[in-house]
């Protein structure tokens, strides 16, 4: 798909912005939306005082706070808007390891919002821990890596940097996500292909490593970055697991970070995904990573039968590992 000159110039400006922020030592850890809401409601947090206030807390700012060089890049990149007498960024920037990631502004209410949050950090740690301690054959190279539903590209980028994967593919159904993922990958020095598709439908071939952190909530508006479908939000995760099993190379691995809504003490997702993958010839390890997240969601009618929402990790290997 060809892109217009304006879009190319905007992307180049945003790439330069990330490099400029990194040169200035910018770092910011994304909290939960509830924490962000509480912090930006504080009287002393109404106007940004520094770069973290502008690109992290997403507060309005005066031009003098950022300086002309970065402000010009924001303007060319199309991410600065007026907010009263001040300005505001339409994107945030978060740090993970040594890399910086563009993602959606707060609050993430748009249907095509690009998510980055505490789950992103947990996902990256899960993948790193599994690759280090999860039985990956010593010396076995990762020739081809794919991050399904890549969002900002954080999973693919951090994993590629850690493993030196020869080929990196990022897929998503959200064009806005793929755009930012491409820019984030370039800023991190990772050569990655970004493909607009549902799971792996437009991507041929097999993979040595498939990673995914799909949406797993029940979202009344069915926003792509948040809605996990049926089975109390686990439907998409189950589909990804089953569809990618056939696309793993011999000895390849699936690392799926998701969540399960626990009802009457029963983990229905575990009961579904483990036998399904075993029937497809994979050896499966299933672990509960965090027993209770997003407790505020339990007040919604969609979760009236749910006791807790647990973050879980699925690690599955196809065939032999040696």
Protein backbone atom coordinates (compact mmCIF):
# COMPACT_ATOMS: atom_id res chain seq x y z
CA UNK A 1 0.00 0.00 0.00
CA UNK A 2 1.47 3.34 -1.03
CA UNK A 3 1.50 6.21 1.40
CA UNK A 4 1.18 9.90 0.60
CA UNK A 5 4.03 12.34 0.98
CA UNK A 6 2.30 13.97 3.93
CA UNK A 7 2.09 10.65 5.79
CA UNK A 8 5.74 9.87 5.07
CA UNK A 9 6.76 13.28 6.41
CA UNK A 10 4.60 12.82 9.51
CA UNK A 11 6.12 9.40 10.22
CA UNK A 12 9.64 10.75 9.74
CA UNK A 13 8.90 13.56 12.19
CA UNK A 14 7.56 11.13 14.79
CA UNK A 15 10.62 8.93 14.38
CA UNK A 16 12.82 11.98 14.90
CA UNK A 17 10.72 12.90 17.93
CA UNK A 18 11.38 9.52 19.56
CA UNK A 19 15.09 9.88 18.87
CA UNK A 20 15.03 13.40 20.30
CA UNK A 21 13.29 12.24 23.45
CA UNK A 22 15.73 9.39 23.88
CA UNK A 23 18.67 11.79 23.47
CA UNK A 24 17.19 13.86 26.29
CA UNK A 25 16.99 10.83 28.59
CA UNK A 26 13.20 10.61 28.50
CA UNK A 27 11.65 7.71 30.42
CA UNK A 28 8.09 7.11 31.60
CA UNK A 29 6.26 4.06 32.91
CA UNK A 30 2.59 3.80 31.98
CA UNK A 31 0.23 3.21 34.93
CA UNK A 32 -3.29 1.82 34.79
CA UNK A 33 -6.00 4.16 33.46
CA UNK A 34 -7.40 4.42 36.99
CA UNK A 35 -4.05 5.56 38.36
CA UNK A 36 -3.63 8.03 35.50
CA UNK A 37 -7.11 9.42 36.17
CA UNK A 38 -6.29 9.97 39.83
CA UNK A 39 -2.91 11.58 39.19
CA UNK A 40 -4.07 14.04 36.52
CA UNK A 41 -6.96 15.09 38.77
CA UNK A 42 -4.54 16.47 41.37
CA UNK A 43 -4.51 20.29 41.50
CA UNK A 44 -0.75 20.45 41.00
CA UNK A 45 -0.97 18.25 37.89
CA UNK A 46 -3.09 20.49 35.67
CA UNK A 47 -0.24 21.76 33.49
CA UNK A 48 2.87 19.88 32.36
CA UNK A 49 6.13 20.97 33.90
CA UNK A 50 8.42 18.63 31.95
CA UNK A 51 8.54 16.09 29.11
CA UNK A 52 6.98 13.38 31.26
CA UNK A 53 4.05 15.67 31.90
CA UNK A 54 3.63 16.27 28.17
CA UNK A 55 4.15 12.77 26.74
CA UNK A 56 3.37 10.62 29.77
CA UNK A 57 0.70 12.20 31.92
CA UNK A 58 -0.65 13.83 28.76
CA UNK A 59 -1.16 17.22 30.40
CA UNK A 60 -1.58 20.51 28.53
CA UNK A 61 1.66 22.45 28.19
CA UNK A 62 3.12 25.81 27.26
CA UNK A 63 5.47 25.86 24.24
CA UNK A 64 8.39 26.93 26.42
CA UNK A 65 8.13 23.66 28.34
CA UNK A 66 9.16 21.56 25.34
CA UNK A 67 11.28 23.92 23.26
CA UNK A 68 11.09 24.73 19.54
CA UNK A 69 12.88 21.66 18.12
CA UNK A 70 10.61 19.00 19.60
CA UNK A 71 7.52 21.18 19.19
CA UNK A 72 8.25 21.54 15.47
CA UNK A 73 8.51 17.74 15.18
CA UNK A 74 5.18 17.37 16.97
CA UNK A 75 3.56 19.82 14.56
CA UNK A 76 4.96 18.15 11.45
CA UNK A 77 3.96 14.78 12.91
CA UNK A 78 0.42 16.05 13.40
CA UNK A 79 0.20 15.22 17.10
CA UNK A 80 -0.20 18.64 18.73
CA UNK A 81 -3.57 20.29 19.35
CA UNK A 82 -4.77 23.38 21.16
CA UNK A 83 -6.22 22.94 24.62
CA UNK A 84 -7.48 26.35 25.64
CA UNK A 85 -4.52 28.71 25.73
CA UNK A 86 -2.12 25.75 25.95
CA UNK A 87 -1.16 22.81 23.74
CA UNK A 88 -1.50 19.03 24.16
CA UNK A 89 -0.09 15.89 22.57
CA UNK A 90 -2.44 13.42 20.87
CA UNK A 91 0.01 10.59 21.57
CA UNK A 92 1.86 9.39 24.63
CA UNK A 93 5.38 7.96 24.80
CA UNK A 94 6.34 5.19 27.23
CA UNK A 95 9.61 3.42 27.94
CA UNK A 96 10.24 -0.32 28.11
CA UNK A 97 13.83 -1.33 28.57
CA UNK A 98 15.91 1.05 26.49
CA UNK A 99 13.21 1.56 23.85
CA UNK A 100 10.51 4.22 23.58
CA UNK A 101 7.01 3.56 22.28
CA UNK A 102 4.39 5.86 20.81
CA UNK A 103 0.84 4.93 21.77
CA UNK A 104 -2.58 6.49 22.23
CA UNK A 105 -3.32 9.53 24.36
CA UNK A 106 -5.27 9.33 27.60
CA UNK A 107 -8.09 8.39 27.84
CA UNK A 108 -8.03 5.53 25.32
CA UNK A 109 -11.66 5.85 24.31
CA UNK A 110 -11.26 5.68 20.51
CA UNK A 111 -12.28 2.55 18.64
CA UNK A 112 -8.78 2.35 17.10
CA UNK A 113 -6.81 3.20 20.26
CA UNK A 114 -3.30 1.78 20.48
CA UNK A 115 -2.85 0.28 23.92
CA UNK A 116 0.23 0.38 26.12
CA UNK A 117 0.02 -0.18 29.87
CA UNK A 118 0.95 -2.39 32.81
CA UNK A 119 -0.08 -5.47 30.82
CA UNK A 120 2.56 -4.54 28.25
CA UNK A 121 5.28 -4.73 30.89
CA UNK A 122 3.94 -8.02 32.25
CA UNK A 123 3.73 -9.43 28.73
CA UNK A 124 7.35 -8.51 27.96
CA UNK A 125 8.53 -10.03 31.25
CA UNK A 126 6.52 -13.20 30.59
CA UNK A 127 8.08 -13.69 27.14
CA UNK A 128 11.59 -12.94 28.42
CA UNK A 129 11.24 -15.36 31.34
CA UNK A 130 9.86 -18.14 29.15
CA UNK A 131 12.66 -17.76 26.61
CA UNK A 132 15.25 -17.83 29.39
CA UNK A 133 13.87 -20.58 31.60
CA UNK A 134 11.10 -22.23 29.63
CA UNK A 135 13.06 -24.98 27.96
CA UNK A 136 14.17 -23.25 24.75
CA UNK A 137 16.86 -25.45 23.19
CA UNK A 138 20.33 -24.09 23.72
CA UNK A 139 21.70 -22.49 20.58
CA UNK A 140 18.44 -22.83 18.67
CA UNK A 141 18.05 -19.62 16.65
CA UNK A 142 14.75 -17.82 16.21
CA UNK A 143 14.61 -17.47 12.47
CA UNK A 144 11.08 -16.10 12.26
CA UNK A 145 9.10 -14.28 14.98
CA UNK A 146 5.54 -12.97 14.83
CA UNK A 147 3.65 -10.79 17.29
CA UNK A 148 -0.10 -11.24 16.74
CA UNK A 149 -2.21 -8.20 17.61
CA UNK A 150 1.00 -6.25 18.06
CA UNK A 151 -0.50 -2.91 19.13
CA UNK A 152 2.45 -0.58 19.69
CA UNK A 153 4.84 -3.36 18.68
CA UNK A 154 6.31 -3.60 22.18
CA UNK A 155 6.28 -7.41 22.30
CA UNK A 156 7.87 -7.90 18.89
CA UNK A 157 10.45 -5.18 19.38
CA UNK A 158 11.65 -6.17 22.85
CA UNK A 159 11.74 -9.84 21.89
CA UNK A 160 13.64 -9.13 18.68
CA UNK A 161 16.18 -7.05 20.56
CA UNK A 162 16.65 -9.82 23.12
CA UNK A 163 16.85 -12.75 20.70
CA UNK A 164 18.25 -11.33 17.48
CA UNK A 165 15.40 -12.90 15.50
CA UNK A 166 16.29 -12.92 11.81
CA UNK A 167 12.79 -12.07 10.60
CA UNK A 168 10.16 -10.13 12.56
CA UNK A 169 6.48 -9.82 11.62
CA UNK A 170 3.89 -7.71 13.43
CA UNK A 171 0.19 -8.23 12.67
CA UNK A 172 -2.88 -6.29 13.74
CA UNK A 173 -6.37 -5.45 12.50
CA UNK A 174 -5.79 -1.83 13.51
CA UNK A 175 -4.05 0.31 10.90
CA UNK A 176 -3.30 3.00 13.50
CA UNK A 177 -1.49 0.41 15.63
CA UNK A 178 0.58 -0.82 12.71
CA UNK A 179 1.62 2.72 11.85
CA UNK A 180 2.93 3.39 15.35
CA UNK A 181 4.47 -0.10 15.57
CA UNK A 182 6.47 0.59 12.39
CA UNK A 183 7.74 3.89 13.79
CA UNK A 184 8.54 2.35 17.17
CA UNK A 185 10.44 -0.50 15.51
CA UNK A 186 12.48 1.91 13.40
CA UNK A 187 13.33 3.98 16.47
CA UNK A 188 14.55 0.83 18.25
CA UNK A 189 16.62 -0.30 15.29
CA UNK A 190 14.46 -3.35 14.57
CA UNK A 191 13.64 -4.28 10.98
CA UNK A 192 10.06 -5.55 11.12
CA UNK A 193 7.26 -6.19 8.65
CA UNK A 194 3.87 -4.78 9.71
CA UNK A 195 0.90 -6.61 8.20
CA UNK A 196 -2.76 -5.63 8.38
CA UNK A 197 -4.56 -8.92 8.97
CA UNK A 198 -6.68 -10.98 11.34
CA UNK A 199 -4.35 -13.28 13.33
CA UNK A 200 -2.17 -14.79 10.55
CA UNK A 201 -4.60 -14.89 7.65
CA UNK A 202 -2.47 -12.73 5.32
CA UNK A 203 0.92 -14.04 6.42
CA UNK A 204 2.35 -17.17 4.79
CA UNK A 205 4.79 -19.70 6.18
CA UNK A 206 5.73 -21.02 9.60
CA UNK A 207 7.28 -19.42 12.66
CA UNK A 208 9.82 -20.42 15.30
CA UNK A 209 8.18 -18.13 17.84
CA UNK A 210 4.64 -16.79 18.04
CA UNK A 211 3.85 -14.28 20.78
CA UNK A 212 0.53 -12.64 21.51
CA UNK A 213 -1.05 -10.38 24.10
CA UNK A 214 -4.61 -10.16 22.75
CA UNK A 215 -7.45 -8.15 24.27
CA UNK A 216 -9.27 -10.23 26.87
CA UNK A 217 -11.93 -7.99 28.38
CA UNK A 218 -15.63 -7.77 27.59
CA UNK A 219 -16.05 -4.35 26.04
CA UNK A 220 -19.58 -3.09 25.46
CA UNK A 221 -18.39 -1.01 22.51
CA UNK A 222 -16.37 -3.94 21.11
CA UNK A 223 -13.29 -1.73 20.71
CA UNK A 224 -10.59 -3.74 18.94
CA UNK A 225 -7.81 -3.03 21.45
CA UNK A 226 -9.92 -4.18 24.40
CA UNK A 227 -12.65 -6.67 23.38
CA UNK A 228 -11.76 -10.35 23.69
CA UNK A 229 -15.01 -11.77 22.36
CA UNK A 230 -17.06 -14.59 23.81
CA UNK A 231 -16.20 -16.94 26.69
CA UNK A 232 -16.13 -13.90 29.03
CA UNK A 233 -13.44 -12.27 26.90
CA UNK A 234 -11.28 -15.36 26.28
CA UNK A 235 -12.70 -16.26 22.86
CA UNK A 236 -10.06 -14.42 20.83
CA UNK A 237 -7.22 -15.89 22.90
CA UNK A 238 -8.52 -19.41 22.33
CA UNK A 239 -8.82 -18.75 18.60
CA UNK A 240 -5.28 -17.39 18.37
CA UNK A 241 -3.90 -20.40 20.22
CA UNK A 242 -5.63 -22.92 17.98
CA UNK A 243 -5.01 -21.13 14.67
CA UNK A 244 -1.31 -20.55 15.30
CA UNK A 245 -0.62 -24.14 16.37
CA UNK A 246 -0.59 -25.22 12.72
CA UNK A 247 1.79 -22.38 11.82
CA UNK A 248 4.58 -23.32 14.20
CA UNK A 249 7.76 -24.81 12.78
CA UNK A 250 8.99 -28.06 14.31
CA UNK A 251 10.20 -27.17 17.79
CA UNK A 252 8.51 -23.77 17.52
CA UNK A 253 6.83 -22.10 20.47
CA UNK A 254 3.66 -20.19 21.20
CA UNK A 255 3.80 -17.72 24.09
CA UNK A 256 0.33 -16.38 24.82
CA UNK A 257 -0.24 -13.80 27.55
CA UNK A 258 -3.92 -13.29 28.31
CA UNK A 259 -6.51 -13.55 31.09
CA UNK A 260 -9.30 -15.78 32.26
CA UNK A 261 -12.49 -14.86 34.09
CA UNK A 262 -12.81 -17.26 37.02
CA UNK A 263 -16.37 -18.43 37.78
CA UNK A 264 -17.09 -20.56 40.86
CA UNK A 265 -13.40 -21.29 41.17
CA UNK A 266 -13.17 -22.71 37.64
CA UNK A 267 -10.72 -21.46 34.99
CA UNK A 268 -12.75 -22.12 31.85
CA UNK A 269 -10.01 -20.86 29.53
CA UNK A 270 -7.51 -23.36 30.92
CA UNK A 271 -10.05 -26.13 30.57
CA UNK A 272 -10.49 -25.22 26.91
CA UNK A 273 -7.05 -24.21 25.66
CA UNK A 274 -4.85 -26.94 27.19
CA UNK A 275 -6.65 -29.98 25.70
CA UNK A 276 -7.19 -28.13 22.42
CA UNK A 277 -3.47 -27.51 21.97
CA UNK A 278 -2.51 -30.98 23.17
CA UNK A 279 -4.88 -32.47 20.58
CA UNK A 280 -2.98 -30.47 17.94
CA UNK A 281 0.33 -32.04 18.99
CA UNK A 282 1.72 -29.37 21.30
CA UNK A 283 3.16 -29.75 24.78
CA UNK A 284 1.54 -27.13 26.98
CA UNK A 285 2.42 -25.33 30.21
CA UNK A 286 -0.25 -23.10 31.74
CA UNK A 287 0.44 -20.70 34.60
CA UNK A 288 -1.51 -18.10 36.52
CA UNK A 289 0.67 -14.98 36.53
CA UNK A 290 -1.52 -12.60 38.53
CA UNK A 291 -4.60 -13.89 40.37
CA UNK A 292 -6.62 -10.68 40.37
CA UNK A 293 -6.54 -7.74 37.93
CA UNK A 294 -9.09 -5.10 36.89
CA UNK A 295 -11.30 -5.72 39.92
CA UNK A 296 -13.34 -2.64 39.05
CA UNK A 297 -14.68 -4.51 36.01
CA UNK A 298 -16.57 -6.91 38.29
CA UNK A 299 -19.12 -4.17 38.97
CA UNK A 300 -20.27 -4.31 35.34
CA UNK A 301 -23.25 -6.50 34.38
CA UNK A 302 -21.13 -8.48 31.90
CA UNK A 303 -19.08 -9.83 34.82
CA UNK A 304 -21.92 -10.50 37.24
CA UNK A 305 -20.97 -14.20 37.60
CA UNK A 306 -17.19 -13.65 37.74
CA UNK A 307 -15.20 -13.91 40.98
CA UNK A 308 -11.91 -12.57 39.68
CA UNK A 309 -10.00 -11.94 36.47
CA UNK A 310 -6.66 -13.74 36.44
CA UNK A 311 -3.75 -13.02 34.11
CA UNK A 312 -2.42 -16.28 32.68
CA UNK A 313 0.39 -17.44 30.44
CA UNK A 314 0.33 -20.27 27.91
CA UNK A 315 3.62 -21.74 26.72
CA UNK A 316 3.25 -24.43 24.05
CA UNK A 317 5.89 -26.25 22.01
CA UNK A 318 5.33 -28.13 18.79
CA UNK A 319 6.92 -31.58 18.58
CA UNK A 320 10.52 -32.03 19.57
CA UNK A 321 12.67 -29.34 21.24
CA UNK A 322 16.10 -30.85 20.66
